[in-house]
Amino acid sequence: MKILVHAISAKMGGAKRHLNNMMKALAKSGHDFEWLVIVNDEFDTSAFESNVEIIRFPETYSSGWKRILLDNWHINKIIKEKKIDLLISFANFGPVKASCKHILFEMNALYFCTNIRNLYGRRQHIDFAIKRILIKLSAIWADLIITPSKSLKLQLIDTLNIPENKIDILYHASEKEFCRIGQTTNITKKENSTVTTFLYPSHLARHKGIHILLDALKIVKFEKNRLLPPFEVICTFAKSDEPEYYDELTKSIEQHDLDDIIRFVGFVPQEEINQLYASSDYMLYTTLCESFGFSMLEAKVFHLPALCSNIPINREISKEAALYYQWNDPEDLADKIEFIITQKPDQFNFNDELLEWHWENYAEKLIACMNDVLSR
């Protein structure tokens, strides 16, 4: 059986991490499949196994009219020429009607979160609307749709009216190596342990709720008791993530005299992020919209309590390992920050079956889905 994975839009962050780990596990699964992957010409495929055939297209084919051309012309041409049995569209939407069996991965909640639309201009609203149409058209003809969370599944049902029995949930997996590091780490807390450290491990984007966080920090610093114990917020935001927004935020931090309590440390490689988790006291996750949220699982590995916005996906993944605040209320976030740094709550539950859900399990479940679709 020949399987074509269409992943042209995978570039960075969770998508890149997911694709690399998924393909590595699939290629090692021992099942009788031939794997072909479509990626853009900027994607580093060094993590892929040697038995995965790489098909590259220019990065310009990952969006716009070229993406539509790729999905509905080039993909079907490749399916015919390579005699593909099953297409897996890893890129949120794919062909309107593939010329073989088709599994559609839908992993971007941004297109469906109504609470973030005021953060974007008219052009972005139009782009999201077009994407929803393309997803709907792809979903109509796809044999199966896979999402990484119950929250996103419900959004697809509510927004696009997709039948519930056509959607399967396949939670993202965790890396065994990372979990092992978290369980055996001997990294010690920084010397100045009187300072409460909050870690926000994420790439920078407008939906990450940074404007809510900055408003809350102003309240904590200037409106609450000035004798509060010292604290700091470390964010792994890089200017390259979104340069204009980065400059806007750093300017606001400087203007409001917040640079003594919040700092952006830039991108931290996955193999080094464990040091930040281990040396922090709490994790912050102020996101307004999320599809899964690897960081919430990673925090549990290090028994790092979280302070999260109370959106459904955060409650679904963080569960009892977090304290929650009203997602759009800086006052509530400020109150929770004050509560944490003064009371140091420790009644959190870090047990989670997802921590035992590794990429080998993920690959087996996905292969079961594939066999089910192929047998229809």
Protein backbone atom coordinates (compact mmCIF):
# COMPACT_ATOMS: atom_id res chain seq x y z
CA MET A 1 0.00 0.00 0.00
CA LYS A 2 1.26 3.47 -0.90
CA ILE A 3 0.45 6.33 1.47
CA LEU A 4 0.92 9.96 0.47
CA VAL A 5 1.20 12.50 3.32
CA HIS A 6 0.42 16.03 2.12
CA ALA A 7 2.24 18.37 4.55
CA ILE A 8 3.15 21.36 2.38
CA SER A 9 2.27 23.95 5.05
CA ALA A 10 4.26 22.45 7.94
CA LYS A 11 6.97 24.98 8.83
CA MET A 12 7.58 25.47 12.54
CA GLY A 13 6.39 24.90 16.09
CA GLY A 14 3.88 22.16 16.85
CA ALA A 15 3.23 21.31 13.18
CA LYS A 16 6.89 20.62 12.48
CA ARG A 17 7.34 18.68 15.71
CA HIS A 18 4.19 16.65 15.08
CA LEU A 19 5.10 15.79 11.48
CA ASN A 20 8.66 14.75 12.35
CA ASN A 21 7.60 12.51 15.22
CA MET A 22 4.61 11.06 13.39
CA MET A 23 6.59 10.15 10.27
CA LYS A 24 9.42 8.68 12.32
CA ALA A 25 7.00 6.41 14.18
CA LEU A 26 5.04 5.47 11.06
CA ALA A 27 8.17 4.62 9.07
CA LYS A 28 9.35 2.36 11.91
CA SER A 29 5.98 0.70 12.48
CA GLY A 30 6.87 -2.43 10.52
CA HIS A 31 3.61 -2.37 8.58
CA ASP A 32 3.59 -3.03 4.85
CA PHE A 33 3.27 0.58 3.68
CA GLU A 34 5.30 2.77 1.36
CA TRP A 35 5.47 6.36 2.62
CA LEU A 36 5.68 9.48 0.48
CA VAL A 37 5.59 12.99 1.98
CA ILE A 38 4.99 16.33 0.27
CA VAL A 39 6.79 19.20 2.02
CA ASN A 40 7.89 22.69 1.04
CA ASP A 41 11.47 23.25 -0.10
CA GLU A 42 12.39 24.98 3.19
CA PHE A 43 11.38 22.07 5.46
CA ASP A 44 14.25 20.17 7.08
CA THR A 45 13.58 16.45 6.53
CA SER A 46 16.72 15.18 8.26
CA ALA A 47 14.57 13.65 11.03
CA PHE A 48 12.72 11.44 8.53
CA GLU A 49 13.64 7.78 8.06
CA SER A 50 15.45 6.76 4.88
CA ASN A 51 12.45 4.75 3.67
CA VAL A 52 10.31 7.89 3.36
CA GLU A 53 10.23 9.36 -0.15
CA ILE A 54 10.32 13.16 -0.13
CA ILE A 55 8.42 15.21 -2.72
CA ARG A 56 9.23 18.92 -2.55
CA PHE A 57 7.33 21.94 -3.84
CA PRO A 58 8.36 25.60 -3.51
CA GLU A 59 7.26 27.24 -0.26
CA THR A 60 4.98 29.52 -2.30
CA TYR A 61 2.70 26.51 -2.86
CA SER A 62 1.80 26.42 0.83
CA SER A 63 -0.72 29.27 0.52
CA GLY A 64 -2.78 31.33 -1.89
CA TRP A 65 -3.92 30.26 -5.33
CA LYS A 66 -0.86 28.03 -5.75
CA ARG A 67 -2.00 26.01 -2.74
CA ILE A 68 -5.41 25.49 -4.35
CA LEU A 69 -3.65 24.43 -7.56
CA LEU A 70 -1.44 22.03 -5.61
CA ASP A 71 -4.37 20.51 -3.73
CA ASN A 72 -6.66 20.02 -6.69
CA TRP A 73 -4.32 19.42 -9.61
CA HIS A 74 -0.80 18.38 -8.58
CA ILE A 75 -1.94 16.10 -5.73
CA ASN A 76 -4.30 14.10 -7.94
CA LYS A 77 -1.59 13.92 -10.61
CA ILE A 78 0.85 12.48 -8.05
CA ILE A 79 -1.82 10.04 -6.83
CA LYS A 80 -2.23 8.76 -10.38
CA GLU A 81 1.48 8.64 -11.29
CA LYS A 82 2.61 7.05 -8.00
CA LYS A 83 -0.44 4.76 -7.73
CA ILE A 84 -1.31 6.07 -4.27
CA ASP A 85 -3.85 4.10 -2.24
CA LEU A 86 -4.47 6.63 0.54
CA LEU A 87 -3.93 10.37 0.89
CA ILE A 88 -3.39 11.91 4.34
CA SER A 89 -3.86 15.68 4.17
CA PHE A 90 -1.81 16.91 7.11
CA ALA A 91 -2.28 20.54 6.07
CA ASN A 92 -5.79 21.36 7.46
CA PHE A 93 -7.43 21.14 4.04
CA GLY A 94 -6.64 19.30 0.84
CA PRO A 95 -8.26 18.28 -2.45
CA VAL A 96 -11.96 18.99 -2.79
CA LYS A 97 -12.22 15.44 -4.08
CA ALA A 98 -9.12 13.23 -3.97
CA SER A 99 -8.83 10.47 -6.55
CA CYS A 100 -8.12 7.91 -3.80
CA LYS A 101 -9.16 7.30 -0.19
CA HIS A 102 -8.62 10.45 1.89
CA ILE A 103 -7.99 11.19 5.59
CA LEU A 104 -8.10 14.88 6.45
CA PHE A 105 -6.22 16.20 9.50
CA GLU A 106 -7.80 19.36 10.91
CA MET A 107 -5.43 20.85 13.48
CA ASN A 108 -5.86 24.63 13.39
CA ALA A 109 -8.48 26.04 15.73
CA LEU A 110 -7.72 29.62 14.62
CA TYR A 111 -10.20 29.30 11.76
CA PHE A 112 -13.02 28.50 14.19
CA CYS A 113 -12.37 30.53 17.38
CA THR A 114 -14.84 33.41 17.40
CA ASN A 115 -13.27 35.02 20.49
CA ILE A 116 -10.10 36.09 18.62
CA ARG A 117 -11.59 37.78 15.58
CA ASN A 118 -11.24 41.26 17.05
CA LEU A 119 -7.45 40.73 17.08
CA TYR A 120 -7.22 40.57 13.32
CA GLY A 121 -8.01 42.94 10.49
CA ARG A 122 -10.35 42.55 7.54
CA ARG A 123 -7.75 40.84 5.38
CA GLN A 124 -7.17 38.10 7.97
CA HIS A 125 -10.92 37.66 8.46
CA ILE A 126 -11.29 37.07 4.72
CA ASP A 127 -8.41 34.59 4.77
CA PHE A 128 -9.96 32.64 7.66
CA ALA A 129 -13.35 32.62 5.88
CA ILE A 130 -11.77 31.22 2.71
CA LYS A 131 -9.95 28.57 4.74
CA ARG A 132 -13.23 27.51 6.37
CA ILE A 133 -14.79 27.09 2.94
CA LEU A 134 -11.84 25.01 1.71
CA ILE A 135 -11.95 22.87 4.87
CA LYS A 136 -15.70 22.34 4.45
CA LEU A 137 -15.27 21.28 0.81
CA SER A 138 -12.42 18.93 1.69
CA ALA A 139 -14.36 17.51 4.63
CA ILE A 140 -17.44 16.72 2.55
CA TRP A 141 -15.52 14.30 0.34
CA ALA A 142 -12.93 13.04 2.86
CA ASP A 143 -13.43 9.53 4.23
CA LEU A 144 -12.31 10.49 7.73
CA ILE A 145 -11.40 13.66 9.62
CA ILE A 146 -8.90 13.57 12.50
CA THR A 147 -8.55 16.29 15.15
CA PRO A 148 -6.13 16.48 18.15
CA SER A 149 -8.78 17.32 20.76
CA LYS A 150 -12.43 17.05 21.70
CA SER A 151 -12.62 20.85 21.78
CA LEU A 152 -11.65 21.17 18.13
CA LYS A 153 -13.98 18.34 17.15
CA LEU A 154 -16.91 20.21 18.71
CA GLN A 155 -15.87 23.40 16.89
CA LEU A 156 -15.91 21.55 13.57
CA ILE A 157 -19.36 20.14 14.30
CA ASP A 158 -20.76 23.51 15.39
CA THR A 159 -19.07 25.66 12.73
CA LEU A 160 -19.10 23.43 9.65
CA ASN A 161 -21.95 21.08 10.58
CA ILE A 162 -19.76 18.02 10.02
CA PRO A 163 -21.36 14.74 11.20
CA GLU A 164 -19.89 13.62 14.53
CA ASN A 165 -19.31 10.05 13.33
CA LYS A 166 -17.03 11.32 10.56
CA ILE A 167 -14.52 12.82 13.04
CA ASP A 168 -12.01 10.87 15.13
CA ILE A 169 -9.89 12.31 17.95
CA LEU A 170 -6.20 11.46 17.97
CA TYR A 171 -4.41 13.38 20.72
CA HIS A 172 -0.85 14.48 19.99
CA ALA A 173 1.73 12.27 21.65
CA SER A 174 4.66 13.04 23.93
CA GLU A 175 8.27 12.01 23.34
CA LYS A 176 9.58 9.26 25.60
CA GLU A 177 12.93 11.02 25.82
CA PHE A 178 11.35 14.23 27.11
CA CYS A 179 9.29 12.38 29.71
CA ARG A 180 12.41 10.52 30.84
CA ILE A 181 14.28 13.82 31.26
CA GLY A 182 11.43 15.24 33.31
CA GLN A 183 11.36 12.22 35.60
CA THR A 184 15.12 12.06 36.18
CA THR A 185 16.21 15.69 35.91
CA ASN A 186 18.64 16.95 38.54
CA ILE A 187 18.39 20.58 37.46
CA THR A 188 18.06 22.71 40.55
CA LYS A 189 16.09 25.86 41.17
CA LYS A 190 17.91 29.12 40.53
CA GLU A 191 19.82 30.57 43.47
CA ASN A 192 17.42 33.45 44.09
CA SER A 193 14.53 31.20 45.06
CA THR A 194 12.61 34.10 46.64
CA VAL A 195 11.57 35.18 43.14
CA THR A 196 8.53 33.32 41.78
CA THR A 197 9.16 32.46 38.14
CA PHE A 198 6.34 32.05 35.62
CA LEU A 199 7.27 30.45 32.30
CA TYR A 200 5.26 31.00 29.12
CA PRO A 201 6.70 28.48 26.63
CA SER A 202 5.24 29.29 23.25
CA HIS A 203 5.87 30.94 19.92
CA LEU A 204 4.52 34.48 19.56
CA ALA A 205 1.13 35.07 17.95
CA ARG A 206 -1.71 37.50 18.51
CA HIS A 207 -4.05 34.81 19.82
CA LYS A 208 -1.66 33.91 22.66
CA GLY A 209 -3.30 36.49 24.95
CA ILE A 210 -0.18 38.59 25.58
CA HIS A 211 -2.24 41.80 25.63
CA ILE A 212 -4.33 40.32 28.47
CA LEU A 213 -1.14 39.32 30.29
CA LEU A 214 0.42 42.80 29.99
CA ASP A 215 -2.76 44.45 31.26
CA ALA A 216 -2.77 42.04 34.22
CA LEU A 217 0.88 42.78 35.00
CA LYS A 218 0.14 46.52 35.06
CA ILE A 219 -2.58 45.86 37.62
CA VAL A 220 -0.33 43.66 39.73
CA LYS A 221 2.56 46.11 39.70
CA PHE A 222 0.79 49.47 40.03
CA GLU A 223 -2.62 48.85 41.60
CA LYS A 224 -1.98 46.06 44.07
CA ASN A 225 0.13 46.00 47.23
CA ARG A 226 3.64 47.18 46.32
CA LEU A 227 5.01 44.87 49.03
CA LEU A 228 4.12 41.74 47.05
CA PRO A 229 6.92 39.16 46.88
CA PRO A 230 9.09 39.51 43.76
CA PHE A 231 8.18 37.58 40.61
CA GLU A 232 9.15 37.35 36.95
CA VAL A 233 7.57 36.17 33.70
CA ILE A 234 9.79 34.49 31.11
CA CYS A 235 8.40 34.12 27.58
CA THR A 236 10.04 32.13 24.79
CA PHE A 237 8.96 34.62 22.13
CA ALA A 238 11.22 35.42 19.21
CA LYS A 239 11.00 38.50 17.01
CA SER A 240 11.09 36.26 13.93
CA ASP A 241 7.74 34.76 14.98
CA GLU A 242 5.86 37.98 14.20
CA PRO A 243 8.23 41.00 13.95
CA GLU A 244 5.66 43.81 13.92
CA TYR A 245 3.72 42.40 16.87
CA TYR A 246 6.97 41.71 18.77
CA ASP A 247 8.01 45.36 18.40
CA GLU A 248 4.54 46.49 19.47
CA LEU A 249 4.71 44.39 22.64
CA THR A 250 8.28 45.28 23.62
CA LYS A 251 7.47 48.97 23.15
CA SER A 252 4.44 48.61 25.41
CA ILE A 253 6.52 46.78 28.04
CA GLU A 254 9.07 49.59 28.04
CA GLN A 255 6.47 52.38 28.09
CA HIS A 256 4.62 50.85 31.03
CA ASP A 257 7.78 50.06 33.01
CA LEU A 258 7.20 46.30 32.99
CA ASP A 259 10.64 45.25 31.79
CA ASP A 260 11.69 44.32 35.33
CA ILE A 261 9.04 41.59 35.57
CA ILE A 262 8.61 40.25 32.03
CA ARG A 263 11.22 39.36 29.43
CA PHE A 264 11.29 37.66 26.06
CA VAL A 265 14.19 35.19 25.83
CA GLY A 266 13.66 34.14 22.22
CA PHE A 267 13.28 30.71 20.71
CA VAL A 268 14.50 27.83 22.91
CA PRO A 269 15.24 24.50 21.14
CA GLN A 270 13.18 21.52 22.26
CA GLU A 271 16.26 19.77 23.64
CA GLU A 272 16.95 22.76 25.94
CA ILE A 273 13.46 23.74 27.07
CA ASN A 274 13.61 21.18 29.90
CA GLN A 275 16.01 23.49 31.76
CA LEU A 276 13.41 26.26 31.78
CA TYR A 277 10.62 23.94 32.92
CA ALA A 278 12.75 22.54 35.73
CA SER A 279 13.91 25.93 37.02
CA SER A 280 10.49 27.64 36.94
CA ASP A 281 7.78 27.68 39.62
CA TYR A 282 4.64 27.93 37.47
CA MET A 283 3.69 27.88 33.83
CA LEU A 284 1.58 30.63 32.26
CA TYR A 285 -0.70 29.83 29.33
CA THR A 286 -2.82 32.85 28.47
CA THR A 287 -3.76 31.66 24.99
CA LEU A 288 -7.22 32.57 23.69
CA CYS A 289 -7.37 29.82 21.09
CA GLU A 290 -5.51 26.52 20.82
CA SER A 291 -5.78 23.24 18.94
CA PHE A 292 -3.88 21.13 21.47
CA GLY A 293 -1.08 22.81 23.44
CA PHE A 294 2.06 20.68 23.85
CA SER A 295 3.25 23.00 26.64
CA MET A 296 0.47 21.94 28.99
CA LEU A 297 1.59 18.32 28.79
CA GLU A 298 5.25 19.24 29.10
CA ALA A 299 4.54 21.20 32.27
CA LYS A 300 2.99 18.08 33.80
CA VAL A 301 6.14 16.11 33.06
CA PHE A 302 8.05 18.46 35.38
CA HIS A 303 5.18 18.75 37.88
CA LEU A 304 4.98 22.44 37.02
CA PRO A 305 1.59 23.92 38.01
CA ALA A 306 -0.04 26.09 35.37
CA LEU A 307 -2.06 29.29 35.35
CA CYS A 308 -4.27 29.03 32.27
CA SER A 309 -7.07 30.88 30.55
CA ASN A 310 -10.27 28.92 31.06
CA ILE A 311 -10.97 28.13 27.40
CA PRO A 312 -12.21 24.53 26.80
CA ILE A 313 -9.00 23.15 25.27
CA ASN A 314 -6.90 24.30 28.24
CA ARG A 315 -9.26 22.59 30.67
CA GLU A 316 -9.26 19.48 28.47
CA ILE A 317 -5.47 19.14 28.51
CA SER A 318 -4.34 20.75 31.80
CA LYS A 319 -7.24 19.33 33.84
CA GLU A 320 -6.34 19.46 37.58
CA ALA A 321 -2.76 20.58 36.97
CA ALA A 322 -3.77 24.22 36.58
CA LEU A 323 -5.44 27.19 38.18
CA TYR A 324 -7.79 28.97 35.74
CA TYR A 325 -8.84 32.58 35.17
CA GLN A 326 -11.56 34.11 32.98
CA TRP A 327 -9.90 34.21 29.54
CA ASN A 328 -10.75 37.84 28.70
CA ASP A 329 -10.43 39.39 32.17
CA PRO A 330 -7.06 40.99 33.11
CA GLU A 331 -8.37 41.73 36.61
CA ASP A 332 -9.05 38.05 37.23
CA LEU A 333 -5.62 37.10 35.85
CA ALA A 334 -4.01 39.72 38.11
CA ASP A 335 -5.86 38.31 41.13
CA LYS A 336 -4.69 34.79 40.30
CA ILE A 337 -1.07 35.95 39.88
CA GLU A 338 -1.26 37.71 43.25
CA PHE A 339 -2.78 34.60 44.83
CA ILE A 340 0.00 32.38 43.46
CA ILE A 341 2.94 34.55 44.49
CA THR A 342 1.54 35.16 48.00
CA GLN A 343 -0.07 31.79 48.78
CA LYS A 344 2.06 29.39 46.67
CA PRO A 345 -0.78 26.88 46.13
CA ASP A 346 0.41 23.30 45.69
CA GLN A 347 -2.75 21.20 45.42
CA PHE A 348 -2.38 20.17 41.79
CA ASN A 349 -2.75 16.77 40.13
CA PHE A 350 -0.17 16.02 37.44
CA ASN A 351 -1.32 12.49 36.63
CA ASP A 352 -2.35 12.21 33.01
CA GLU A 353 -2.77 9.16 30.81
CA LEU A 354 -1.59 11.26 27.86
CA LEU A 355 1.92 11.28 29.37
CA GLU A 356 2.04 7.55 28.60
CA TRP A 357 0.72 8.15 25.09
CA HIS A 358 3.86 8.10 22.94
CA TRP A 359 4.37 8.37 19.21
CA GLU A 360 4.52 4.59 18.74
CA ASN A 361 0.98 4.34 20.19
CA TYR A 362 -0.07 7.26 18.02
CA ALA A 363 1.25 5.56 14.89
CA GLU A 364 -0.57 2.33 15.70
CA LYS A 365 -3.87 4.17 16.24
CA LEU A 366 -3.41 6.13 13.01
CA ILE A 367 -2.61 2.93 11.09
CA ALA A 368 -5.80 1.39 12.50
CA CYS A 369 -7.73 4.40 11.15
CA MET A 370 -5.99 4.02 7.80
CA ASN A 371 -6.83 0.31 7.55
CA ASP A 372 -10.44 1.06 8.42
CA VAL A 373 -10.67 3.66 5.63
CA LEU A 374 -8.88 1.40 3.13
CA SER A 375 -11.25 -1.45 3.85
CA ARG A 376 -14.39 0.53 3.10
